[in-house]
Amino acid sequence: EPKPGANFNIEETRQKIDELLSTSVPDYHGLKEM
């Protein structure tokens, strides 16, 4: 749930969260690679 009035770009947010999970969670990165 975005904060009211926030300029929320869903795809940029998804990409950033994906990148952060890929670098910090080996199992997540492994799933993507496999």
PDB file of all heavy atoms in Angstrom:
ATOM      1  N   GLU A   1       0.866  -1.182   0.000  1.00  0.00           N
ATOM      2  CA  GLU A   1       0.000   0.000   0.000  1.00  0.00           C
ATOM      3  C   GLU A   1       0.902   1.232   0.000  1.00  0.00           C
ATOM      4  O   GLU A   1       1.641   1.463   0.958  1.00  0.00           O
ATOM      5  CB  GLU A   1      -0.904   0.048   1.230  1.00  0.00           C
ATOM      6  CG  GLU A   1      -1.784   1.293   1.244  1.00  0.00           C
ATOM      7  CD  GLU A   1      -2.617   1.468   2.493  1.00  0.00           C
ATOM      8  OE1 GLU A   1      -2.831   0.489   3.235  1.00  0.00           O
ATOM      9  OE2 GLU A   1      -3.058   2.611   2.751  1.00  0.00           O
ATOM     10  N   PRO A   2       0.880   2.020  -1.088  1.00  0.00           N
ATOM     11  CA  PRO A   2       1.695   3.238  -1.121  1.00  0.00           C
ATOM     12  C   PRO A   2       1.162   4.281  -0.137  1.00  0.00           C
ATOM     13  O   PRO A   2      -0.022   4.281   0.193  1.00  0.00           O
ATOM     14  CB  PRO A   2       1.540   3.757  -2.548  1.00  0.00           C
ATOM     15  CG  PRO A   2       0.870   2.676  -3.311  1.00  0.00           C
ATOM     16  CD  PRO A   2       0.157   1.814  -2.325  1.00  0.00           C
ATOM     17  N   LYS A   3       2.045   5.146   0.314  1.00  0.00           N
ATOM     18  CA  LYS A   3       1.608   6.271   1.137  1.00  0.00           C
ATOM     19  C   LYS A   3       0.720   7.179   0.294  1.00  0.00           C
ATOM     20  O   LYS A   3       0.948   7.328  -0.913  1.00  0.00           O
ATOM     21  CB  LYS A   3       2.807   7.066   1.655  1.00  0.00           C
ATOM     22  CG  LYS A   3       3.512   6.399   2.798  1.00  0.00           C
ATOM     23  CD  LYS A   3       4.550   7.305   3.409  1.00  0.00           C
ATOM     24  CE  LYS A   3       5.188   6.605   4.593  1.00  0.00           C
ATOM     25  NZ  LYS A   3       6.246   7.405   5.194  1.00  0.00           N
ATOM     26  N   PRO A   4      -0.285   7.801   0.914  1.00  0.00           N
ATOM     27  CA  PRO A   4      -1.159   8.705   0.166  1.00  0.00           C
ATOM     28  C   PRO A   4      -0.355   9.807  -0.525  1.00  0.00           C
ATOM     29  O   PRO A   4       0.545  10.398   0.062  1.00  0.00           O
ATOM     30  CB  PRO A   4      -2.078   9.299   1.245  1.00  0.00           C
ATOM     31  CG  PRO A   4      -2.057   8.288   2.346  1.00  0.00           C
ATOM     32  CD  PRO A   4      -0.682   7.679   2.312  1.00  0.00           C
ATOM     33  N   GLY A   5      -0.654  10.033  -1.786  1.00  0.00           N
ATOM     34  CA  GLY A   5      -0.005  11.084  -2.554  1.00  0.00           C
ATOM     35  C   GLY A   5       1.392  10.758  -3.040  1.00  0.00           C
ATOM     36  O   GLY A   5       2.037  11.581  -3.674  1.00  0.00           O
ATOM     37  N   ALA A   6       1.873   9.548  -2.737  1.00  0.00           N
ATOM     38  CA  ALA A   6       3.231   9.179  -3.153  1.00  0.00           C
ATOM     39  C   ALA A   6       3.270   8.944  -4.654  1.00  0.00           C
ATOM     40  O   ALA A   6       2.336   8.409  -5.239  1.00  0.00           O
ATOM     41  CB  ALA A   6       3.692   7.925  -2.423  1.00  0.00           C
ATOM     42  N   ASN A   7       4.369   9.341  -5.258  1.00  0.00           N
ATOM     43  CA  ASN A   7       4.595   9.055  -6.670  1.00  0.00           C
ATOM     44  C   ASN A   7       5.234   7.671  -6.715  1.00  0.00           C
ATOM     45  O   ASN A   7       6.433   7.524  -6.570  1.00  0.00           O
ATOM     46  CB  ASN A   7       5.517  10.119  -7.279  1.00  0.00           C
ATOM     47  CG  ASN A   7       5.720   9.902  -8.764  1.00  0.00           C
ATOM     48  OD1 ASN A   7       5.024   9.113  -9.393  1.00  0.00           O
ATOM     49  ND2 ASN A   7       6.690  10.604  -9.319  1.00  0.00           N
ATOM     50  N   PHE A   8       4.415   6.654  -6.906  1.00  0.00           N
ATOM     51  CA  PHE A   8       4.857   5.267  -6.765  1.00  0.00           C
ATOM     52  C   PHE A   8       4.920   4.610  -8.130  1.00  0.00           C
ATOM     53  O   PHE A   8       3.899   4.384  -8.769  1.00  0.00           O
ATOM     54  CB  PHE A   8       3.867   4.513  -5.873  1.00  0.00           C
ATOM     55  CG  PHE A   8       4.414   3.244  -5.298  1.00  0.00           C
ATOM     56  CD1 PHE A   8       4.890   3.210  -4.003  1.00  0.00           C
ATOM     57  CD2 PHE A   8       4.448   2.083  -6.050  1.00  0.00           C
ATOM     58  CE1 PHE A   8       5.395   2.042  -3.453  1.00  0.00           C
ATOM     59  CE2 PHE A   8       4.946   0.903  -5.501  1.00  0.00           C
ATOM     60  CZ  PHE A   8       5.419   0.893  -4.210  1.00  0.00           C
ATOM     61  N   ASN A   9       6.129   4.305  -8.578  1.00  0.00           N
ATOM     62  CA  ASN A   9       6.307   3.624  -9.854  1.00  0.00           C
ATOM     63  C   ASN A   9       6.481   2.136  -9.556  1.00  0.00           C
ATOM     64  O   ASN A   9       7.512   1.712  -9.039  1.00  0.00           O
ATOM     65  CB  ASN A   9       7.531   4.170 -10.592  1.00  0.00           C
ATOM     66  CG  ASN A   9       7.703   3.541 -11.960  1.00  0.00           C
ATOM     67  OD1 ASN A   9       7.716   2.326 -12.103  1.00  0.00           O
ATOM     68  ND2 ASN A   9       7.835   4.389 -12.966  1.00  0.00           N
ATOM     69  N   ILE A  10       5.460   1.377  -9.884  1.00  0.00           N
ATOM     70  CA  ILE A  10       5.427  -0.035  -9.502  1.00  0.00           C
ATOM     71  C   ILE A  10       6.568  -0.841 -10.142  1.00  0.00           C
ATOM     72  O   ILE A  10       7.186  -1.678  -9.498  1.00  0.00           O
ATOM     73  CB  ILE A  10       4.045  -0.660  -9.801  1.00  0.00           C
ATOM     74  CG1 ILE A  10       3.926  -2.021  -9.116  1.00  0.00           C
ATOM     75  CG2 ILE A  10       3.782  -0.755 -11.278  1.00  0.00           C
ATOM     76  CD1 ILE A  10       2.512  -2.546  -9.088  1.00  0.00           C
ATOM     77  N   GLU A  11       6.885  -0.589 -11.405  1.00  0.00           N
ATOM     78  CA  GLU A  11       7.937  -1.376 -12.066  1.00  0.00           C
ATOM     79  C   GLU A  11       9.316  -1.005 -11.532  1.00  0.00           C
ATOM     80  O   GLU A  11      10.149  -1.890 -11.302  1.00  0.00           O
ATOM     81  CB  GLU A  11       7.881  -1.225 -13.586  1.00  0.00           C
ATOM     82  CG  GLU A  11       8.886  -2.089 -14.327  1.00  0.00           C
ATOM     83  CD  GLU A  11       8.872  -3.581 -13.970  1.00  0.00           C
ATOM     84  OE1 GLU A  11       7.834  -4.123 -13.539  1.00  0.00           O
ATOM     85  OE2 GLU A  11       9.938  -4.225 -14.105  1.00  0.00           O
ATOM     86  N   GLU A  12       9.580   0.274 -11.310  1.00  0.00           N
ATOM     87  CA  GLU A  12      10.870   0.666 -10.720  1.00  0.00           C
ATOM     88  C   GLU A  12      11.028   0.064  -9.329  1.00  0.00           C
ATOM     89  O   GLU A  12      12.115  -0.392  -8.966  1.00  0.00           O
ATOM     90  CB  GLU A  12      10.986   2.186 -10.646  1.00  0.00           C
ATOM     91  CG  GLU A  12      11.261   2.849 -11.970  1.00  0.00           C
ATOM     92  CD  GLU A  12      11.371   4.365 -11.840  1.00  0.00           C
ATOM     93  OE1 GLU A  12      11.482   4.889 -10.704  1.00  0.00           O
ATOM     94  OE2 GLU A  12      11.322   5.034 -12.888  1.00  0.00           O
ATOM     95  N   THR A  13       9.937   0.079  -8.565  1.00  0.00           N
ATOM     96  CA  THR A  13       9.974  -0.492  -7.214  1.00  0.00           C
ATOM     97  C   THR A  13      10.228  -1.986  -7.281  1.00  0.00           C
ATOM     98  O   THR A  13      11.045  -2.528  -6.534  1.00  0.00           O
ATOM     99  CB  THR A  13       8.660  -0.190  -6.467  1.00  0.00           C
ATOM    100  OG1 THR A  13       8.494   1.232  -6.397  1.00  0.00           O
ATOM    101  CG2 THR A  13       8.665  -0.772  -5.069  1.00  0.00           C
ATOM    102  N   ARG A  14       9.550  -2.686  -8.198  1.00  0.00           N
ATOM    103  CA  ARG A  14       9.753  -4.124  -8.350  1.00  0.00           C
ATOM    104  C   ARG A  14      11.204  -4.429  -8.708  1.00  0.00           C
ATOM    105  O   ARG A  14      11.832  -5.318  -8.129  1.00  0.00           O
ATOM    106  CB  ARG A  14       8.815  -4.708  -9.417  1.00  0.00           C
ATOM    107  CG  ARG A  14       8.826  -6.246  -9.420  1.00  0.00           C
ATOM    108  CD  ARG A  14       8.398  -6.826 -10.740  1.00  0.00           C
ATOM    109  NE  ARG A  14       9.367  -6.570 -11.793  1.00  0.00           N
ATOM    110  CZ  ARG A  14      10.545  -7.198 -11.933  1.00  0.00           C
ATOM    111  NH1 ARG A  14      10.912  -8.129 -11.077  1.00  0.00           N
ATOM    112  NH2 ARG A  14      11.367  -6.900 -12.915  1.00  0.00           N
ATOM    113  N   GLN A  15      11.750  -3.665  -9.648  1.00  0.00           N
ATOM    114  CA  GLN A  15      13.131  -3.892 -10.072  1.00  0.00           C
ATOM    115  C   GLN A  15      14.111  -3.659  -8.921  1.00  0.00           C
ATOM    116  O   GLN A  15      15.065  -4.427  -8.738  1.00  0.00           O
ATOM    117  CB  GLN A  15      13.485  -3.004 -11.257  1.00  0.00           C
ATOM    118  CG  GLN A  15      12.817  -3.432 -12.538  1.00  0.00           C
ATOM    119  CD  GLN A  15      13.098  -2.466 -13.690  1.00  0.00           C
ATOM    120  OE1 GLN A  15      13.781  -1.462 -13.543  1.00  0.00           O
ATOM    121  NE2 GLN A  15      12.553  -2.794 -14.857  1.00  0.00           N
ATOM    122  N   LYS A  16      13.891  -2.611  -8.149  1.00  0.00           N
ATOM    123  CA  LYS A  16      14.793  -2.297  -7.041  1.00  0.00           C
ATOM    124  C   LYS A  16      14.719  -3.369  -5.956  1.00  0.00           C
ATOM    125  O   LYS A  16      15.752  -3.837  -5.453  1.00  0.00           O
ATOM    126  CB  LYS A  16      14.459  -0.915  -6.461  1.00  0.00           C
ATOM    127  CG  LYS A  16      15.401  -0.453  -5.389  1.00  0.00           C
ATOM    128  CD  LYS A  16      16.795  -0.247  -5.930  1.00  0.00           C
ATOM    129  CE  LYS A  16      17.701   0.325  -4.854  1.00  0.00           C
ATOM    130  NZ  LYS A  16      19.098   0.320  -5.239  1.00  0.00           N
ATOM    131  N   ILE A  17      13.510  -3.793  -5.604  1.00  0.00           N
ATOM    132  CA  ILE A  17      13.358  -4.836  -4.584  1.00  0.00           C
ATOM    133  C   ILE A  17      13.975  -6.142  -5.086  1.00  0.00           C
ATOM    134  O   ILE A  17      14.672  -6.841  -4.345  1.00  0.00           O
ATOM    135  CB  ILE A  17      11.876  -5.012  -4.195  1.00  0.00           C
ATOM    136  CG1 ILE A  17      11.387  -3.750  -3.454  1.00  0.00           C
ATOM    137  CG2 ILE A  17      11.677  -6.257  -3.326  1.00  0.00           C
ATOM    138  CD1 ILE A  17       9.889  -3.698  -3.236  1.00  0.00           C
ATOM    139  N   ASP A  18      13.754  -6.465  -6.355  1.00  0.00           N
ATOM    140  CA  ASP A  18      14.329  -7.668  -6.959  1.00  0.00           C
ATOM    141  C   ASP A  18      15.859  -7.622  -6.876  1.00  0.00           C
ATOM    142  O   ASP A  18      16.503  -8.602  -6.486  1.00  0.00           O
ATOM    143  CB  ASP A  18      13.869  -7.789  -8.406  1.00  0.00           C
ATOM    144  CG  ASP A  18      14.479  -8.990  -9.102  1.00  0.00           C
ATOM    145  OD1 ASP A  18      14.065 -10.132  -8.796  1.00  0.00           O
ATOM    146  OD2 ASP A  18      15.371  -8.786  -9.952  1.00  0.00           O
ATOM    147  N   GLU A  19      16.425  -6.484  -7.214  1.00  0.00           N
ATOM    148  CA  GLU A  19      17.882  -6.318  -7.164  1.00  0.00           C
ATOM    149  C   GLU A  19      18.405  -6.492  -5.738  1.00  0.00           C
ATOM    150  O   GLU A  19      19.397  -7.185  -5.505  1.00  0.00           O
ATOM    151  CB  GLU A  19      18.237  -4.927  -7.698  1.00  0.00           C
ATOM    152  CG  GLU A  19      19.688  -4.545  -7.607  1.00  0.00           C
ATOM    153  CD  GLU A  19      19.897  -3.098  -8.029  1.00  0.00           C
ATOM    154  OE1 GLU A  19      19.418  -2.712  -9.121  1.00  0.00           O
ATOM    155  OE2 GLU A  19      20.521  -2.350  -7.254  1.00  0.00           O
ATOM    156  N   LEU A  20      17.718  -5.890  -4.780  1.00  0.00           N
ATOM    157  CA  LEU A  20      18.145  -5.980  -3.385  1.00  0.00           C
ATOM    158  C   LEU A  20      18.037  -7.419  -2.864  1.00  0.00           C
ATOM    159  O   LEU A  20      18.929  -7.893  -2.156  1.00  0.00           O
ATOM    160  CB  LEU A  20      17.327  -5.023  -2.516  1.00  0.00           C
ATOM    161  CG  LEU A  20      17.619  -3.540  -2.762  1.00  0.00           C
ATOM    162  CD1 LEU A  20      16.513  -2.667  -2.194  1.00  0.00           C
ATOM    163  CD2 LEU A  20      18.966  -3.164  -2.171  1.00  0.00           C
ATOM    164  N   LEU A  21      16.954  -8.112  -3.217  1.00  0.00           N
ATOM    165  CA  LEU A  21      16.812  -9.508  -2.793  1.00  0.00           C
ATOM    166  C   LEU A  21      17.864 -10.387  -3.467  1.00  0.00           C
ATOM    167  O   LEU A  21      18.409 -11.296  -2.840  1.00  0.00           O
ATOM    168  CB  LEU A  21      15.403 -10.023  -3.111  1.00  0.00           C
ATOM    169  CG  LEU A  21      14.275  -9.471  -2.249  1.00  0.00           C
ATOM    170  CD1 LEU A  21      12.914  -9.927  -2.782  1.00  0.00           C
ATOM    171  CD2 LEU A  21      14.443  -9.887  -0.787  1.00  0.00           C
ATOM    172  N   SER A  22      18.148 -10.110  -4.732  1.00  0.00           N
ATOM    173  CA  SER A  22      19.143 -10.906  -5.463  1.00  0.00           C
ATOM    174  C   SER A  22      20.526 -10.801  -4.839  1.00  0.00           C
ATOM    175  O   SER A  22      21.278 -11.780  -4.825  1.00  0.00           O
ATOM    176  CB  SER A  22      19.216 -10.461  -6.923  1.00  0.00           C
ATOM    177  OG  SER A  22      18.054 -10.819  -7.614  1.00  0.00           O
ATOM    178  N   THR A  23      20.872  -9.627  -4.334  1.00  0.00           N
ATOM    179  CA  THR A  23      22.202  -9.447  -3.759  1.00  0.00           C
ATOM    180  C   THR A  23      22.294  -9.876  -2.299  1.00  0.00           C
ATOM    181  O   THR A  23      23.385 -10.186  -1.820  1.00  0.00           O
ATOM    182  CB  THR A  23      22.678  -7.980  -3.883  1.00  0.00           C
ATOM    183  OG1 THR A  23      21.740  -7.136  -3.225  1.00  0.00           O
ATOM    184  CG2 THR A  23      22.827  -7.584  -5.337  1.00  0.00           C
ATOM    185  N   SER A  24      21.159  -9.933  -1.591  1.00  0.00           N
ATOM    186  CA  SER A  24      21.217 -10.236  -0.163  1.00  0.00           C
ATOM    187  C   SER A  24      20.691 -11.624   0.214  1.00  0.00           C
ATOM    188  O   SER A  24      20.930 -12.087   1.328  1.00  0.00           O
ATOM    189  CB  SER A  24      20.460  -9.174   0.641  1.00  0.00           C
ATOM    190  OG  SER A  24      19.076  -9.214   0.331  1.00  0.00           O
ATOM    191  N   VAL A  25      19.973 -12.268  -0.692  1.00  0.00           N
ATOM    192  CA  VAL A  25      19.380 -13.574  -0.376  1.00  0.00           C
ATOM    193  C   VAL A  25      19.848 -14.594  -1.416  1.00  0.00           C
ATOM    194  O   VAL A  25      19.311 -14.644  -2.523  1.00  0.00           O
ATOM    195  CB  VAL A  25      17.834 -13.490  -0.347  1.00  0.00           C
ATOM    196  CG1 VAL A  25      17.233 -14.837   0.022  1.00  0.00           C
ATOM    197  CG2 VAL A  25      17.352 -12.394   0.596  1.00  0.00           C
ATOM    198  N   PRO A  26      20.850 -15.409  -1.073  1.00  0.00           N
ATOM    199  CA  PRO A  26      21.395 -16.359  -2.042  1.00  0.00           C
ATOM    200  C   PRO A  26      20.347 -17.302  -2.649  1.00  0.00           C
ATOM    201  O   PRO A  26      20.403 -17.603  -3.839  1.00  0.00           O
ATOM    202  CB  PRO A  26      22.430 -17.142  -1.233  1.00  0.00           C
ATOM    203  CG  PRO A  26      22.807 -16.223  -0.115  1.00  0.00           C
ATOM    204  CD  PRO A  26      21.573 -15.429   0.199  1.00  0.00           C
ATOM    205  N   ASP A  27      19.384 -17.765  -1.854  1.00  0.00           N
ATOM    206  CA  ASP A  27      18.360 -18.673  -2.379  1.00  0.00           C
ATOM    207  C   ASP A  27      17.498 -17.990  -3.442  1.00  0.00           C
ATOM    208  O   ASP A  27      17.110 -18.611  -4.424  1.00  0.00           O
ATOM    209  CB  ASP A  27      17.457 -19.204  -1.263  1.00  0.00           C
ATOM    210  CG  ASP A  27      18.169 -20.209  -0.372  1.00  0.00           C
ATOM    211  OD1 ASP A  27      19.223 -20.732  -0.778  1.00  0.00           O
ATOM    212  OD2 ASP A  27      17.652 -20.473   0.730  1.00  0.00           O
ATOM    213  N   TYR A  28      17.203 -16.714  -3.232  1.00  0.00           N
ATOM    214  CA  TYR A  28      16.410 -15.965  -4.210  1.00  0.00           C
ATOM    215  C   TYR A  28      17.194 -15.842  -5.521  1.00  0.00           C
ATOM    216  O   TYR A  28      16.675 -16.113  -6.597  1.00  0.00           O
ATOM    217  CB  TYR A  28      16.065 -14.582  -3.649  1.00  0.00           C
ATOM    218  CG  TYR A  28      15.225 -13.733  -4.563  1.00  0.00           C
ATOM    219  CD1 TYR A  28      13.843 -13.845  -4.563  1.00  0.00           C
ATOM    220  CD2 TYR A  28      15.815 -12.807  -5.424  1.00  0.00           C
ATOM    221  CE1 TYR A  28      13.057 -13.063  -5.401  1.00  0.00           C
ATOM    222  CE2 TYR A  28      15.040 -12.019  -6.263  1.00  0.00           C
ATOM    223  CZ  TYR A  28      13.665 -12.147  -6.249  1.00  0.00           C
ATOM    224  OH  TYR A  28      12.895 -11.372  -7.077  1.00  0.00           O
ATOM    225  N   HIS A  29      18.449 -15.469  -5.398  1.00  0.00           N
ATOM    226  CA  HIS A  29      19.298 -15.335  -6.589  1.00  0.00           C
ATOM    227  C   HIS A  29      19.434 -16.684  -7.298  1.00  0.00           C
ATOM    228  O   HIS A  29      19.353 -16.764  -8.524  1.00  0.00           O
ATOM    229  CB  HIS A  29      20.674 -14.797  -6.203  1.00  0.00           C
ATOM    230  CG  HIS A  29      21.600 -14.653  -7.358  1.00  0.00           C
ATOM    231  ND1 HIS A  29      21.447 -13.669  -8.309  1.00  0.00           N
ATOM    232  CD2 HIS A  29      22.679 -15.388  -7.744  1.00  0.00           C
ATOM    233  CE1 HIS A  29      22.391 -13.804  -9.227  1.00  0.00           C
ATOM    234  NE2 HIS A  29      23.149 -14.834  -8.907  1.00  0.00           N
ATOM    235  N   GLY A  30      19.608 -17.739  -6.527  1.00  0.00           N
ATOM    236  CA  GLY A  30      19.746 -19.076  -7.107  1.00  0.00           C
ATOM    237  C   GLY A  30      18.494 -19.512  -7.853  1.00  0.00           C
ATOM    238  O   GLY A  30      18.577 -20.127  -8.925  1.00  0.00           O
ATOM    239  N   LEU A  31      17.337 -19.174  -7.328  1.00  0.00           N
ATOM    240  CA  LEU A  31      16.065 -19.491  -7.985  1.00  0.00           C
ATOM    241  C   LEU A  31      15.978 -18.805  -9.339  1.00  0.00           C
ATOM    242  O   LEU A  31      15.600 -19.416 -10.343  1.00  0.00           O
ATOM    243  CB  LEU A  31      14.904 -19.051  -7.085  1.00  0.00           C
ATOM    244  CG  LEU A  31      13.499 -19.406  -7.514  1.00  0.00           C
ATOM    245  CD1 LEU A  31      13.290 -20.915  -7.458  1.00  0.00           C
ATOM    246  CD2 LEU A  31      12.499 -18.711  -6.592  1.00  0.00           C
ATOM    247  N   LYS A  32      16.362 -17.539  -9.372  1.00  0.00           N
ATOM    248  CA  LYS A  32      16.345 -16.788 -10.633  1.00  0.00           C
ATOM    249  C   LYS A  32      17.286 -17.417 -11.656  1.00  0.00           C
ATOM    250  O   LYS A  32      16.948 -17.566 -12.824  1.00  0.00           O
ATOM    251  CB  LYS A  32      16.762 -15.328 -10.396  1.00  0.00           C
ATOM    252  CG  LYS A  32      15.719 -14.484  -9.737  1.00  0.00           C
ATOM    253  CD  LYS A  32      16.214 -13.073  -9.510  1.00  0.00           C
ATOM    254  CE  LYS A  32      16.418 -12.377 -10.823  1.00  0.00           C
ATOM    255  NZ  LYS A  32      16.654 -10.953 -10.717  1.00  0.00           N
ATOM    256  N   GLU A  33      18.479 -17.757 -11.193  1.00  0.00           N
ATOM    257  CA  GLU A  33      19.483 -18.326 -12.092  1.00  0.00           C
ATOM    258  C   GLU A  33      19.099 -19.720 -12.580  1.00  0.00           C
ATOM    259  O   GLU A  33      19.250 -20.038 -13.761  1.00  0.00           O
ATOM    260  CB  GLU A  33      20.846 -18.390 -11.387  1.00  0.00           C
ATOM    261  CG  GLU A  33      21.446 -17.031 -11.101  1.00  0.00           C
ATOM    262  CD  GLU A  33      21.816 -16.284 -12.356  1.00  0.00           C
ATOM    263  OE1 GLU A  33      22.464 -16.884 -13.233  1.00  0.00           O
ATOM    264  OE2 GLU A  33      21.438 -15.101 -12.473  1.00  0.00           O
ATOM    265  N   MET A  34      18.608 -20.547 -11.680  1.00  0.00           N
ATOM    266  CA  MET A  34      18.298 -21.930 -12.017  1.00  0.00           C
ATOM    267  C   MET A  34      17.155 -22.031 -13.028  1.00  0.00           C
ATOM    268  O   MET A  34      17.224 -22.796 -13.980  1.00  0.00           O
ATOM    269  CB  MET A  34      17.923 -22.711 -10.752  1.00  0.00           C
ATOM    270  CG  MET A  34      17.710 -24.193 -11.005  1.00  0.00           C
ATOM    271  SD  MET A  34      17.174 -25.147  -9.542  1.00  0.00           S
ATOM    272  CE  MET A  34      18.063 -24.421  -8.201  1.00  0.00           C
TER     273      MET A  34
END
